[in-house]
All heavy atoms as atom14 arrays in JSON, in Angstrom:
{
  "sequence": "VSGMTQGPITNSLEWDGKSNGQVVPGGVYIYQIEAEDILFNGTVVIIN",
  "atom14_mask": [
    [1, 1, 1, 1, 1, 1, 1, 0, 0, 0, 0, 0, 0, 0],
    [1, 1, 1, 1, 1, 1, 0, 0, 0, 0, 0, 0, 0, 0],
    [1, 1, 1, 1, 0, 0, 0, 0, 0, 0, 0, 0, 0, 0],
    [1, 1, 1, 1, 1, 1, 1, 1, 0, 0, 0, 0, 0, 0],
    [1, 1, 1, 1, 1, 1, 1, 0, 0, 0, 0, 0, 0, 0],
    [1, 1, 1, 1, 1, 1, 1, 1, 1, 0, 0, 0, 0, 0],
    [1, 1, 1, 1, 0, 0, 0, 0, 0, 0, 0, 0, 0, 0],
    [1, 1, 1, 1, 1, 1, 1, 0, 0, 0, 0, 0, 0, 0],
    [1, 1, 1, 1, 1, 1, 1, 1, 0, 0, 0, 0, 0, 0],
    [1, 1, 1, 1, 1, 1, 1, 0, 0, 0, 0, 0, 0, 0],
    [1, 1, 1, 1, 1, 1, 1, 1, 0, 0, 0, 0, 0, 0],
    [1, 1, 1, 1, 1, 1, 0, 0, 0, 0, 0, 0, 0, 0],
    [1, 1, 1, 1, 1, 1, 1, 1, 0, 0, 0, 0, 0, 0],
    [1, 1, 1, 1, 1, 1, 1, 1, 1, 0, 0, 0, 0, 0],
    [1, 1, 1, 1, 1, 1, 1, 1, 1, 1, 1, 1, 1, 1],
    [1, 1, 1, 1, 1, 1, 1, 1, 0, 0, 0, 0, 0, 0],
    [1, 1, 1, 1, 0, 0, 0, 0, 0, 0, 0, 0, 0, 0],
    [1, 1, 1, 1, 1, 1, 1, 1, 1, 0, 0, 0, 0, 0],
    [1, 1, 1, 1, 1, 1, 0, 0, 0, 0, 0, 0, 0, 0],
    [1, 1, 1, 1, 1, 1, 1, 1, 0, 0, 0, 0, 0, 0],
    [1, 1, 1, 1, 0, 0, 0, 0, 0, 0, 0, 0, 0, 0],
    [1, 1, 1, 1, 1, 1, 1, 1, 1, 0, 0, 0, 0, 0],
    [1, 1, 1, 1, 1, 1, 1, 0, 0, 0, 0, 0, 0, 0],
    [1, 1, 1, 1, 1, 1, 1, 0, 0, 0, 0, 0, 0, 0],
    [1, 1, 1, 1, 1, 1, 1, 0, 0, 0, 0, 0, 0, 0],
    [1, 1, 1, 1, 0, 0, 0, 0, 0, 0, 0, 0, 0, 0],
    [1, 1, 1, 1, 0, 0, 0, 0, 0, 0, 0, 0, 0, 0],
    [1, 1, 1, 1, 1, 1, 1, 0, 0, 0, 0, 0, 0, 0],
    [1, 1, 1, 1, 1, 1, 1, 1, 1, 1, 1, 1, 0, 0],
    [1, 1, 1, 1, 1, 1, 1, 1, 0, 0, 0, 0, 0, 0],
    [1, 1, 1, 1, 1, 1, 1, 1, 1, 1, 1, 1, 0, 0],
    [1, 1, 1, 1, 1, 1, 1, 1, 1, 0, 0, 0, 0, 0],
    [1, 1, 1, 1, 1, 1, 1, 1, 0, 0, 0, 0, 0, 0],
    [1, 1, 1, 1, 1, 1, 1, 1, 1, 0, 0, 0, 0, 0],
    [1, 1, 1, 1, 1, 0, 0, 0, 0, 0, 0, 0, 0, 0],
    [1, 1, 1, 1, 1, 1, 1, 1, 1, 0, 0, 0, 0, 0],
    [1, 1, 1, 1, 1, 1, 1, 1, 0, 0, 0, 0, 0, 0],
    [1, 1, 1, 1, 1, 1, 1, 1, 0, 0, 0, 0, 0, 0],
    [1, 1, 1, 1, 1, 1, 1, 1, 0, 0, 0, 0, 0, 0],
    [1, 1, 1, 1, 1, 1, 1, 1, 1, 1, 1, 0, 0, 0],
    [1, 1, 1, 1, 1, 1, 1, 1, 0, 0, 0, 0, 0, 0],
    [1, 1, 1, 1, 0, 0, 0, 0, 0, 0, 0, 0, 0, 0],
    [1, 1, 1, 1, 1, 1, 1, 0, 0, 0, 0, 0, 0, 0],
    [1, 1, 1, 1, 1, 1, 1, 0, 0, 0, 0, 0, 0, 0],
    [1, 1, 1, 1, 1, 1, 1, 0, 0, 0, 0, 0, 0, 0],
    [1, 1, 1, 1, 1, 1, 1, 1, 0, 0, 0, 0, 0, 0],
    [1, 1, 1, 1, 1, 1, 1, 1, 0, 0, 0, 0, 0, 0],
    [1, 1, 1, 1, 1, 1, 1, 1, 0, 0, 0, 0, 0, 0]
  ],
  "atom14_positions": [
    [[2.65, 1.84, -3.45], [1.85, 2.71, -2.65], [2.58, 2.95, -1.32], [2.66, 4.07, -0.88], [0.42, 2.21, -2.47], [-0.31, 3.02, -1.42], [-0.32, 2.01, -3.76], [0.0, 0.0, 0.0], [0.0, 0.0, 0.0], [0.0, 0.0, 0.0], [0.0, 0.0, 0.0], [0.0, 0.0, 0.0], [0.0, 0.0, 0.0], [0.0, 0.0, 0.0]],
    [[3.08, 1.85, -0.73], [3.68, 1.92, 0.64], [4.48, 0.64, 0.85], [4.18, -0.42, 0.32], [2.52, 2.0, 1.66], [3.12, 2.09, 2.96], [0.0, 0.0, 0.0], [0.0, 0.0, 0.0], [0.0, 0.0, 0.0], [0.0, 0.0, 0.0], [0.0, 0.0, 0.0], [0.0, 0.0, 0.0], [0.0, 0.0, 0.0], [0.0, 0.0, 0.0]],
    [[5.44, 0.76, 1.75], [6.12, -0.39, 2.26], [5.36, -0.86, 3.45], [4.4, -0.21, 3.94], [0.0, 0.0, 0.0], [0.0, 0.0, 0.0], [0.0, 0.0, 0.0], [0.0, 0.0, 0.0], [0.0, 0.0, 0.0], [0.0, 0.0, 0.0], [0.0, 0.0, 0.0], [0.0, 0.0, 0.0], [0.0, 0.0, 0.0], [0.0, 0.0, 0.0]],
    [[5.74, -2.07, 4.0], [5.16, -2.55, 5.27], [6.25, -2.46, 6.3], [7.38, -2.41, 6.04], [4.76, -4.03, 5.06], [3.57, -4.25, 4.09], [3.15, -5.96, 4.13], [2.41, -6.21, 2.6], [0.0, 0.0, 0.0], [0.0, 0.0, 0.0], [0.0, 0.0, 0.0], [0.0, 0.0, 0.0], [0.0, 0.0, 0.0], [0.0, 0.0, 0.0]],
    [[5.71, -2.39, 7.59], [6.66, -2.35, 8.68], [6.51, -3.62, 9.49], [5.59, -4.37, 9.25], [6.28, -1.09, 9.59], [4.98, -1.23, 10.0], [6.53, 0.17, 8.86], [0.0, 0.0, 0.0], [0.0, 0.0, 0.0], [0.0, 0.0, 0.0], [0.0, 0.0, 0.0], [0.0, 0.0, 0.0], [0.0, 0.0, 0.0], [0.0, 0.0, 0.0]],
    [[7.46, -3.81, 10.39], [7.36, -5.01, 11.29], [6.0, -4.94, 12.0], [5.55, -3.87, 12.56], [8.44, -4.97, 12.3], [8.42, -6.07, 13.36], [8.46, -7.46, 12.75], [9.26, -7.7, 11.9], [7.6, -8.4, 13.22], [0.0, 0.0, 0.0], [0.0, 0.0, 0.0], [0.0, 0.0, 0.0], [0.0, 0.0, 0.0], [0.0, 0.0, 0.0]],
    [[5.27, -6.08, 12.14], [3.97, -6.1, 12.73], [4.13, -6.18, 14.25], [5.12, -6.2, 14.81], [0.0, 0.0, 0.0], [0.0, 0.0, 0.0], [0.0, 0.0, 0.0], [0.0, 0.0, 0.0], [0.0, 0.0, 0.0], [0.0, 0.0, 0.0], [0.0, 0.0, 0.0], [0.0, 0.0, 0.0], [0.0, 0.0, 0.0], [0.0, 0.0, 0.0]],
    [[2.96, -6.31, 14.92], [2.86, -6.24, 16.41], [3.36, -7.6, 17.03], [3.63, -7.56, 18.22], [1.43, -6.05, 16.64], [0.69, -6.65, 15.51], [1.6, -6.36, 14.35], [0.0, 0.0, 0.0], [0.0, 0.0, 0.0], [0.0, 0.0, 0.0], [0.0, 0.0, 0.0], [0.0, 0.0, 0.0], [0.0, 0.0, 0.0], [0.0, 0.0, 0.0]],
    [[3.57, -8.57, 16.27], [4.03, -9.89, 16.82], [5.09, -10.36, 15.92], [5.33, -9.95, 14.8], [2.86, -10.95, 16.97], [2.28, -11.32, 15.53], [1.79, -10.49, 17.91], [1.36, -12.45, 15.56], [0.0, 0.0, 0.0], [0.0, 0.0, 0.0], [0.0, 0.0, 0.0], [0.0, 0.0, 0.0], [0.0, 0.0, 0.0], [0.0, 0.0, 0.0]],
    [[5.84, -11.31, 16.42], [6.91, -11.95, 15.58], [6.32, -12.61, 14.42], [5.22, -13.1, 14.43], [7.64, -13.1, 16.48], [8.14, -12.51, 17.66], [8.76, -13.74, 15.73], [0.0, 0.0, 0.0], [0.0, 0.0, 0.0], [0.0, 0.0, 0.0], [0.0, 0.0, 0.0], [0.0, 0.0, 0.0], [0.0, 0.0, 0.0], [0.0, 0.0, 0.0]],
    [[7.05, -12.56, 13.29], [6.64, -13.08, 12.01], [5.38, -12.51, 11.54], [4.37, -13.19, 11.11], [6.46, -14.61, 12.04], [7.86, -15.3, 12.27], [8.86, -14.85, 11.83], [7.79, -16.46, 12.91], [0.0, 0.0, 0.0], [0.0, 0.0, 0.0], [0.0, 0.0, 0.0], [0.0, 0.0, 0.0], [0.0, 0.0, 0.0], [0.0, 0.0, 0.0]],
    [[5.39, -11.17, 11.48], [4.2, -10.44, 10.95], [4.71, -9.11, 10.34], [5.72, -8.53, 10.69], [3.12, -10.17, 12.03], [3.58, -9.18, 12.93], [0.0, 0.0, 0.0], [0.0, 0.0, 0.0], [0.0, 0.0, 0.0], [0.0, 0.0, 0.0], [0.0, 0.0, 0.0], [0.0, 0.0, 0.0], [0.0, 0.0, 0.0], [0.0, 0.0, 0.0]],
    [[3.94, -8.67, 9.35], [4.17, -7.38, 8.73], [2.86, -6.55, 8.81], [1.81, -7.17, 8.88], [4.59, -7.52, 7.26], [5.97, -8.14, 6.95], [6.04, -8.37, 5.47], [7.04, -7.28, 7.5], [0.0, 0.0, 0.0], [0.0, 0.0, 0.0], [0.0, 0.0, 0.0], [0.0, 0.0, 0.0], [0.0, 0.0, 0.0], [0.0, 0.0, 0.0]],
    [[2.96, -5.3, 8.78], [1.76, -4.4, 9.01], [1.73, -3.31, 7.99], [2.8, -2.74, 7.65], [1.86, -3.89, 10.43], [0.69, -2.97, 10.87], [0.87, -2.61, 12.34], [2.01, -2.16, 12.75], [-0.12, -2.72, 13.01], [0.0, 0.0, 0.0], [0.0, 0.0, 0.0], [0.0, 0.0, 0.0], [0.0, 0.0, 0.0], [0.0, 0.0, 0.0]],
    [[0.54, -2.92, 7.52], [0.32, -1.71, 6.77], [-0.75, -0.86, 7.36], [-1.8, -1.35, 7.78], [0.0, -2.07, 5.31], [-0.27, -0.92, 4.45], [0.38, 0.23, 4.32], [-1.37, -0.79, 3.52], [-0.13, 1.05, 3.4], [-1.28, 0.5, 2.93], [-2.48, -1.54, 3.17], [-2.19, 0.94, 1.93], [-3.37, -1.12, 2.21], [-3.19, 0.12, 1.62]],
    [[-0.53, 0.41, 7.51], [-1.5, 1.28, 8.13], [-2.5, 1.98, 7.2], [-3.23, 2.81, 7.63], [-0.78, 2.35, 8.98], [0.09, 3.3, 8.07], [0.01, 3.16, 6.78], [0.8, 4.17, 8.62], [0.0, 0.0, 0.0], [0.0, 0.0, 0.0], [0.0, 0.0, 0.0], [0.0, 0.0, 0.0], [0.0, 0.0, 0.0], [0.0, 0.0, 0.0]],
    [[-2.59, 1.43, 5.99], [-3.6, 2.06, 5.05], [-3.28, 3.42, 4.57], [-4.1, 4.09, 4.05], [0.0, 0.0, 0.0], [0.0, 0.0, 0.0], [0.0, 0.0, 0.0], [0.0, 0.0, 0.0], [0.0, 0.0, 0.0], [0.0, 0.0, 0.0], [0.0, 0.0, 0.0], [0.0, 0.0, 0.0], [0.0, 0.0, 0.0], [0.0, 0.0, 0.0]],
    [[-1.98, 3.78, 4.68], [-1.55, 5.12, 4.29], [-0.4, 5.04, 3.24], [0.3, 3.99, 3.13], [-1.02, 5.93, 5.51], [-2.16, 6.15, 6.49], [-1.54, 7.01, 7.65], [-2.71, 7.24, 8.75], [-2.16, 7.88, 9.91], [0.0, 0.0, 0.0], [0.0, 0.0, 0.0], [0.0, 0.0, 0.0], [0.0, 0.0, 0.0], [0.0, 0.0, 0.0]],
    [[-0.34, 6.13, 2.51], [0.81, 6.26, 1.56], [1.31, 7.69, 1.8], [0.56, 8.68, 1.69], [0.28, 6.15, 0.14], [1.32, 6.41, -0.82], [0.0, 0.0, 0.0], [0.0, 0.0, 0.0], [0.0, 0.0, 0.0], [0.0, 0.0, 0.0], [0.0, 0.0, 0.0], [0.0, 0.0, 0.0], [0.0, 0.0, 0.0], [0.0, 0.0, 0.0]],
    [[2.6, 7.81, 2.13], [3.2, 9.15, 2.45], [2.47, 9.87, 3.54], [2.22, 11.11, 3.41], [3.34, 9.97, 1.18], [4.3, 9.42, 0.15], [5.29, 8.8, 0.51], [3.94, 9.38, -1.09], [0.0, 0.0, 0.0], [0.0, 0.0, 0.0], [0.0, 0.0, 0.0], [0.0, 0.0, 0.0], [0.0, 0.0, 0.0], [0.0, 0.0, 0.0]],
    [[1.97, 9.09, 4.51], [1.28, 9.78, 5.6], [-0.18, 10.13, 5.41], [-0.83, 10.61, 6.38], [0.0, 0.0, 0.0], [0.0, 0.0, 0.0], [0.0, 0.0, 0.0], [0.0, 0.0, 0.0], [0.0, 0.0, 0.0], [0.0, 0.0, 0.0], [0.0, 0.0, 0.0], [0.0, 0.0, 0.0], [0.0, 0.0, 0.0], [0.0, 0.0, 0.0]],
    [[-0.68, 9.85, 4.21], [-2.04, 10.21, 3.88], [-2.85, 8.86, 3.75], [-2.42, 7.9, 3.11], [-2.18, 11.01, 2.62], [-1.44, 12.3, 2.61], [-2.04, 13.25, 3.63], [-3.24, 13.42, 3.71], [-1.17, 13.93, 4.46], [0.0, 0.0, 0.0], [0.0, 0.0, 0.0], [0.0, 0.0, 0.0], [0.0, 0.0, 0.0], [0.0, 0.0, 0.0]],
    [[-4.1, 8.79, 4.21], [-4.94, 7.68, 4.03], [-5.15, 7.43, 2.57], [-5.54, 8.43, 1.84], [-6.29, 7.85, 4.84], [-7.23, 6.65, 4.53], [-6.05, 7.96, 6.32], [0.0, 0.0, 0.0], [0.0, 0.0, 0.0], [0.0, 0.0, 0.0], [0.0, 0.0, 0.0], [0.0, 0.0, 0.0], [0.0, 0.0, 0.0], [0.0, 0.0, 0.0]],
    [[-5.13, 6.22, 2.1], [-5.28, 5.88, 0.65], [-6.78, 5.91, 0.35], [-7.63, 5.67, 1.26], [-4.69, 4.53, 0.32], [-3.18, 4.57, 0.47], [-5.25, 3.44, 1.08], [0.0, 0.0, 0.0], [0.0, 0.0, 0.0], [0.0, 0.0, 0.0], [0.0, 0.0, 0.0], [0.0, 0.0, 0.0], [0.0, 0.0, 0.0], [0.0, 0.0, 0.0]],
    [[-7.14, 6.22, -0.89], [-8.5, 6.13, -1.29], [-9.04, 4.69, -1.09], [-8.23, 3.72, -1.31], [-8.54, 6.62, -2.74], [-7.22, 7.23, -3.01], [-6.31, 6.65, -1.94], [0.0, 0.0, 0.0], [0.0, 0.0, 0.0], [0.0, 0.0, 0.0], [0.0, 0.0, 0.0], [0.0, 0.0, 0.0], [0.0, 0.0, 0.0], [0.0, 0.0, 0.0]],
    [[-10.36, 4.58, -1.01], [-10.9, 3.18, -0.96], [-10.65, 2.5, -2.28], [-10.55, 3.1, -3.39], [0.0, 0.0, 0.0], [0.0, 0.0, 0.0], [0.0, 0.0, 0.0], [0.0, 0.0, 0.0], [0.0, 0.0, 0.0], [0.0, 0.0, 0.0], [0.0, 0.0, 0.0], [0.0, 0.0, 0.0], [0.0, 0.0, 0.0], [0.0, 0.0, 0.0]],
    [[-10.51, 1.24, -2.24], [-10.25, 0.36, -3.45], [-9.51, -0.84, -3.16], [-9.2, -1.24, -2.02], [0.0, 0.0, 0.0], [0.0, 0.0, 0.0], [0.0, 0.0, 0.0], [0.0, 0.0, 0.0], [0.0, 0.0, 0.0], [0.0, 0.0, 0.0], [0.0, 0.0, 0.0], [0.0, 0.0, 0.0], [0.0, 0.0, 0.0], [0.0, 0.0, 0.0]],
    [[-9.06, -1.52, -4.19], [-8.37, -2.78, -4.14], [-6.87, -2.47, -4.31], [-6.45, -1.79, -5.24], [-8.81, -3.74, -5.18], [-8.02, -5.08, -5.15], [-10.35, -4.12, -5.08], [0.0, 0.0, 0.0], [0.0, 0.0, 0.0], [0.0, 0.0, 0.0], [0.0, 0.0, 0.0], [0.0, 0.0, 0.0], [0.0, 0.0, 0.0], [0.0, 0.0, 0.0]],
    [[-6.04, -3.07, -3.42], [-4.68, -2.93, -3.42], [-3.98, -4.34, -3.38], [-4.63, -5.32, -2.95], [-4.11, -2.12, -2.21], [-4.6, -0.7, -2.3], [-5.89, -0.34, -1.85], [-3.8, 0.27, -2.86], [-6.34, 0.95, -2.0], [-4.27, 1.57, -2.97], [-5.48, 1.93, -2.58], [-5.91, 3.23, -2.65], [0.0, 0.0, 0.0], [0.0, 0.0, 0.0]],
    [[-2.85, -4.41, -3.99], [-2.09, -5.69, -4.03], [-1.05, -5.63, -2.93], [-0.3, -4.7, -2.83], [-1.41, -5.85, -5.42], [-2.51, -5.84, -6.5], [-0.6, -7.1, -5.47], [-1.91, -5.66, -7.93], [0.0, 0.0, 0.0], [0.0, 0.0, 0.0], [0.0, 0.0, 0.0], [0.0, 0.0, 0.0], [0.0, 0.0, 0.0], [0.0, 0.0, 0.0]],
    [[-1.0, -6.74, -2.11], [0.11, -6.9, -1.31], [1.16, -7.83, -1.85], [0.8, -8.75, -2.64], [-0.3, -7.38, 0.17], [-0.84, -8.78, 0.2], [0.11, -9.91, 0.33], [-2.19, -9.07, 0.26], [-0.41, -11.15, 0.44], [-2.66, -10.29, 0.38], [-1.75, -11.4, 0.46], [-2.24, -12.68, 0.56], [0.0, 0.0, 0.0], [0.0, 0.0, 0.0]],
    [[2.41, -7.54, -1.69], [3.52, -8.42, -2.14], [4.51, -8.6, -1.0], [5.12, -7.67, -0.51], [4.14, -7.72, -3.35], [5.12, -8.55, -4.1], [5.51, -7.84, -5.42], [6.31, -6.96, -5.3], [4.93, -8.27, -6.52], [0.0, 0.0, 0.0], [0.0, 0.0, 0.0], [0.0, 0.0, 0.0], [0.0, 0.0, 0.0], [0.0, 0.0, 0.0]],
    [[4.6, -9.86, -0.58], [5.56, -10.23, 0.49], [6.64, -11.12, -0.06], [6.3, -12.04, -0.82], [4.8, -10.96, 1.63], [3.76, -9.96, 2.24], [5.83, -11.53, 2.7], [2.86, -10.57, 3.28], [0.0, 0.0, 0.0], [0.0, 0.0, 0.0], [0.0, 0.0, 0.0], [0.0, 0.0, 0.0], [0.0, 0.0, 0.0], [0.0, 0.0, 0.0]],
    [[7.88, -10.77, 0.22], [9.0, -11.53, -0.42], [9.81, -12.18, 0.7], [10.17, -11.53, 1.68], [9.89, -10.66, -1.15], [11.0, -11.36, -1.92], [11.85, -10.55, -2.81], [11.61, -9.35, -2.98], [12.69, -11.02, -3.48], [0.0, 0.0, 0.0], [0.0, 0.0, 0.0], [0.0, 0.0, 0.0], [0.0, 0.0, 0.0], [0.0, 0.0, 0.0]],
    [[10.1, -13.45, 0.48], [10.94, -14.21, 1.47], [11.65, -15.31, 0.61], [11.09, -16.01, -0.16], [10.18, -14.88, 2.5], [0.0, 0.0, 0.0], [0.0, 0.0, 0.0], [0.0, 0.0, 0.0], [0.0, 0.0, 0.0], [0.0, 0.0, 0.0], [0.0, 0.0, 0.0], [0.0, 0.0, 0.0], [0.0, 0.0, 0.0], [0.0, 0.0, 0.0]],
    [[12.99, -15.37, 0.83], [13.79, -16.38, 0.18], [13.62, -16.3, -1.36], [13.44, -17.35, -2.01], [13.49, -17.72, 0.71], [13.87, -17.93, 2.19], [13.62, -19.27, 2.7], [13.25, -20.18, 1.97], [13.86, -19.48, 3.94], [0.0, 0.0, 0.0], [0.0, 0.0, 0.0], [0.0, 0.0, 0.0], [0.0, 0.0, 0.0], [0.0, 0.0, 0.0]],
    [[13.58, -15.13, -1.96], [13.42, -14.94, -3.33], [12.13, -15.52, -3.97], [11.92, -15.75, -5.12], [14.57, -15.51, -4.12], [15.88, -14.76, -3.88], [15.9, -13.51, -3.67], [16.92, -15.53, -3.87], [0.0, 0.0, 0.0], [0.0, 0.0, 0.0], [0.0, 0.0, 0.0], [0.0, 0.0, 0.0], [0.0, 0.0, 0.0], [0.0, 0.0, 0.0]],
    [[11.1, -15.68, -2.98], [9.79, -16.08, -3.49], [8.78, -14.93, -3.2], [8.82, -14.41, -2.07], [9.35, -17.31, -2.76], [10.31, -18.48, -3.04], [7.95, -17.73, -3.21], [10.06, -19.72, -2.18], [0.0, 0.0, 0.0], [0.0, 0.0, 0.0], [0.0, 0.0, 0.0], [0.0, 0.0, 0.0], [0.0, 0.0, 0.0], [0.0, 0.0, 0.0]],
    [[7.93, -14.58, -4.14], [6.92, -13.61, -3.97], [5.57, -14.15, -3.62], [5.17, -15.12, -4.33], [6.78, -12.72, -5.23], [7.93, -11.73, -5.51], [7.74, -10.98, -6.83], [8.15, -10.71, -4.37], [0.0, 0.0, 0.0], [0.0, 0.0, 0.0], [0.0, 0.0, 0.0], [0.0, 0.0, 0.0], [0.0, 0.0, 0.0], [0.0, 0.0, 0.0]],
    [[4.94, -13.66, -2.62], [3.58, -14.06, -2.28], [2.69, -12.84, -2.52], [2.99, -11.79, -1.97], [3.53, -14.43, -0.83], [4.43, -15.61, -0.5], [5.7, -15.35, -0.09], [3.99, -16.91, -0.66], [6.57, -16.46, 0.24], [4.82, -17.96, -0.32], [6.14, -17.72, 0.1], [0.0, 0.0, 0.0], [0.0, 0.0, 0.0], [0.0, 0.0, 0.0]],
    [[1.66, -12.97, -3.28], [0.76, -11.91, -3.69], [-0.67, -12.18, -3.3], [-1.08, -13.27, -3.3], [0.81, -11.65, -5.23], [2.25, -11.22, -5.72], [2.73, -10.21, -5.36], [2.76, -12.08, -6.53], [0.0, 0.0, 0.0], [0.0, 0.0, 0.0], [0.0, 0.0, 0.0], [0.0, 0.0, 0.0], [0.0, 0.0, 0.0], [0.0, 0.0, 0.0]],
    [[-1.39, -11.06, -3.07], [-2.82, -11.16, -2.83], [-3.37, -9.77, -2.85], [-2.7, -8.82, -3.23], [0.0, 0.0, 0.0], [0.0, 0.0, 0.0], [0.0, 0.0, 0.0], [0.0, 0.0, 0.0], [0.0, 0.0, 0.0], [0.0, 0.0, 0.0], [0.0, 0.0, 0.0], [0.0, 0.0, 0.0], [0.0, 0.0, 0.0], [0.0, 0.0, 0.0]],
    [[-4.65, -9.63, -2.49], [-5.3, -8.38, -2.53], [-5.87, -7.95, -1.1], [-6.19, -8.83, -0.33], [-6.42, -8.29, -3.52], [-7.38, -9.38, -3.23], [-5.87, -8.47, -4.93], [0.0, 0.0, 0.0], [0.0, 0.0, 0.0], [0.0, 0.0, 0.0], [0.0, 0.0, 0.0], [0.0, 0.0, 0.0], [0.0, 0.0, 0.0], [0.0, 0.0, 0.0]],
    [[-5.94, -6.62, -0.97], [-6.48, -6.08, 0.25], [-7.53, -5.07, -0.28], [-7.23, -4.27, -1.17], [-5.44, -5.4, 1.11], [-6.09, -4.62, 2.25], [-4.48, -6.35, 1.56], [0.0, 0.0, 0.0], [0.0, 0.0, 0.0], [0.0, 0.0, 0.0], [0.0, 0.0, 0.0], [0.0, 0.0, 0.0], [0.0, 0.0, 0.0], [0.0, 0.0, 0.0]],
    [[-8.74, -5.0, 0.32], [-9.71, -4.07, -0.07], [-9.85, -3.03, 1.12], [-10.03, -3.29, 2.23], [-11.1, -4.68, -0.25], [-12.18, -3.63, -0.52], [-11.05, -5.71, -1.38], [0.0, 0.0, 0.0], [0.0, 0.0, 0.0], [0.0, 0.0, 0.0], [0.0, 0.0, 0.0], [0.0, 0.0, 0.0], [0.0, 0.0, 0.0], [0.0, 0.0, 0.0]],
    [[-9.65, -1.67, 0.68], [-9.83, -0.68, 1.66], [-11.19, 0.01, 1.39], [-11.51, 0.36, 0.29], [-8.73, 0.42, 1.39], [-7.32, -0.2, 1.54], [-8.92, 1.7, 2.3], [-7.02, -0.65, 2.99], [0.0, 0.0, 0.0], [0.0, 0.0, 0.0], [0.0, 0.0, 0.0], [0.0, 0.0, 0.0], [0.0, 0.0, 0.0], [0.0, 0.0, 0.0]],
    [[-11.94, 0.14, 2.49], [-13.25, 0.79, 2.44], [-13.2, 2.0, 3.33], [-12.93, 1.88, 4.51], [-14.43, -0.15, 2.87], [-14.4, -1.38, 2.0], [-15.69, 0.54, 2.85], [-15.36, -2.53, 2.45], [0.0, 0.0, 0.0], [0.0, 0.0, 0.0], [0.0, 0.0, 0.0], [0.0, 0.0, 0.0], [0.0, 0.0, 0.0], [0.0, 0.0, 0.0]],
    [[-13.41, 3.21, 2.79], [-13.38, 4.39, 3.57], [-14.74, 4.82, 3.93], [-15.67, 4.64, 3.28], [-12.7, 5.57, 2.78], [-11.26, 5.21, 2.55], [-10.76, 4.13, 2.65], [-10.47, 6.21, 2.03], [0.0, 0.0, 0.0], [0.0, 0.0, 0.0], [0.0, 0.0, 0.0], [0.0, 0.0, 0.0], [0.0, 0.0, 0.0], [0.0, 0.0, 0.0]]
  ]
}
């Protein structure tokens, strides 16, 4: 859906709830963070 950008503080990533500049529909999304060839997954719920 989207990549993440550097967050507002050191050691953080941020997502603005958009895909290609458009707000995503409400629902459940999966986040995937990768470091040292290890994937960390979880979910984020968007409520519009």
